[in-house]
Amino acid sequence: VDEKDGQAAALGYKADSSKVDGKKYAAHKAEQNCGNCALFQGKAGDKAGGCPLFAGKNVAAAGWCSAYAKKG
């Protein structure tokens, strides 16, 4: 998904979680990324995978958005 996509921008999505604005998204932690989010539909080790928040689009496993929910 493109970071400039309307839904992605609304959720603060970044393809590289290290580039998340920590002041705007204080809940973001360095260890959080799409690859370890409960919403990530890729397999462990995949560089990208689906996400129900972005129908028909893949997110980067190294990415992050404000809907992050820890897996497990």
Protein backbone atom coordinates (compact mmCIF):
# COMPACT_ATOMS: atom_id res chain seq x y z
CA VAL A 1 0.00 0.00 0.00
CA ASP A 2 1.22 3.48 -0.82
CA GLU A 3 1.82 5.66 2.26
CA LYS A 4 -0.13 8.43 0.51
CA ASP A 5 -3.22 6.22 0.04
CA GLY A 6 -6.15 7.82 1.89
CA GLN A 7 -6.64 4.95 4.37
CA ALA A 8 -2.88 4.56 4.89
CA ALA A 9 -2.40 8.27 5.58
CA ALA A 10 -5.36 8.31 7.98
CA LEU A 11 -3.77 5.45 9.97
CA GLY A 12 -0.25 6.92 9.86
CA TYR A 13 1.08 3.93 7.86
CA LYS A 14 4.78 3.90 7.09
CA ALA A 15 6.47 1.10 5.10
CA ASP A 16 9.45 1.43 7.47
CA SER A 17 8.38 1.53 11.11
CA SER A 18 11.55 3.43 12.06
CA LYS A 19 10.17 6.43 10.12
CA VAL A 20 6.97 6.76 12.19
CA ASP A 21 6.49 10.20 13.75
CA GLY A 22 6.97 9.34 17.43
CA LYS A 23 5.55 12.67 18.57
CA LYS A 24 2.33 12.20 16.61
CA TYR A 25 2.08 8.48 17.40
CA ALA A 26 3.39 8.17 20.95
CA ALA A 27 1.99 4.62 21.22
CA HIS A 28 4.50 3.41 18.58
CA LYS A 29 7.33 1.28 19.95
CA ALA A 30 10.48 0.30 18.05
CA GLU A 31 9.72 -3.43 18.24
CA GLN A 32 6.27 -3.01 16.66
CA ASN A 33 5.83 -3.69 12.95
CA CYS A 34 3.26 -5.15 10.60
CA GLY A 35 5.06 -8.52 10.63
CA ASN A 36 4.23 -9.02 14.32
CA CYS A 37 0.76 -7.43 14.19
CA ALA A 38 -2.33 -9.59 14.70
CA LEU A 39 -3.82 -8.13 11.49
CA PHE A 40 -0.90 -9.17 9.25
CA GLN A 41 -1.96 -11.95 6.88
CA GLY A 42 1.47 -12.90 5.55
CA LYS A 43 3.54 -15.81 6.83
CA ALA A 44 6.47 -15.44 9.20
CA GLY A 45 9.44 -14.24 7.19
CA ASP A 46 7.38 -12.71 4.36
CA LYS A 47 8.54 -9.21 3.34
CA ALA A 48 4.92 -8.17 2.70
CA GLY A 49 1.43 -9.50 3.22
CA GLY A 50 -2.21 -8.62 3.24
CA CYS A 51 -4.00 -6.63 5.89
CA PRO A 52 -7.79 -6.41 6.30
CA LEU A 53 -7.49 -2.63 6.76
CA PHE A 54 -6.16 -2.28 3.21
CA ALA A 55 -8.33 -4.62 1.14
CA GLY A 56 -6.53 -6.02 -1.89
CA LYS A 57 -3.23 -4.37 -0.98
CA ASN A 58 -0.11 -5.59 0.77
CA VAL A 59 1.69 -3.90 3.63
CA ALA A 60 5.41 -4.17 4.30
CA ALA A 61 6.28 -6.54 7.15
CA ALA A 62 8.65 -3.80 8.36
CA GLY A 63 5.83 -1.24 8.27
CA TRP A 64 3.53 0.12 10.98
CA CYS A 65 0.20 1.92 11.38
CA SER A 66 -1.80 3.22 14.32
CA ALA A 67 -4.09 0.16 14.26
CA TYR A 68 -1.18 -2.05 15.37
CA ALA A 69 -2.29 -4.90 17.63
CA LYS A 70 0.31 -7.23 19.10
CA LYS A 71 0.04 -10.78 17.79
CA GLY A 72 -0.59 -13.45 20.34
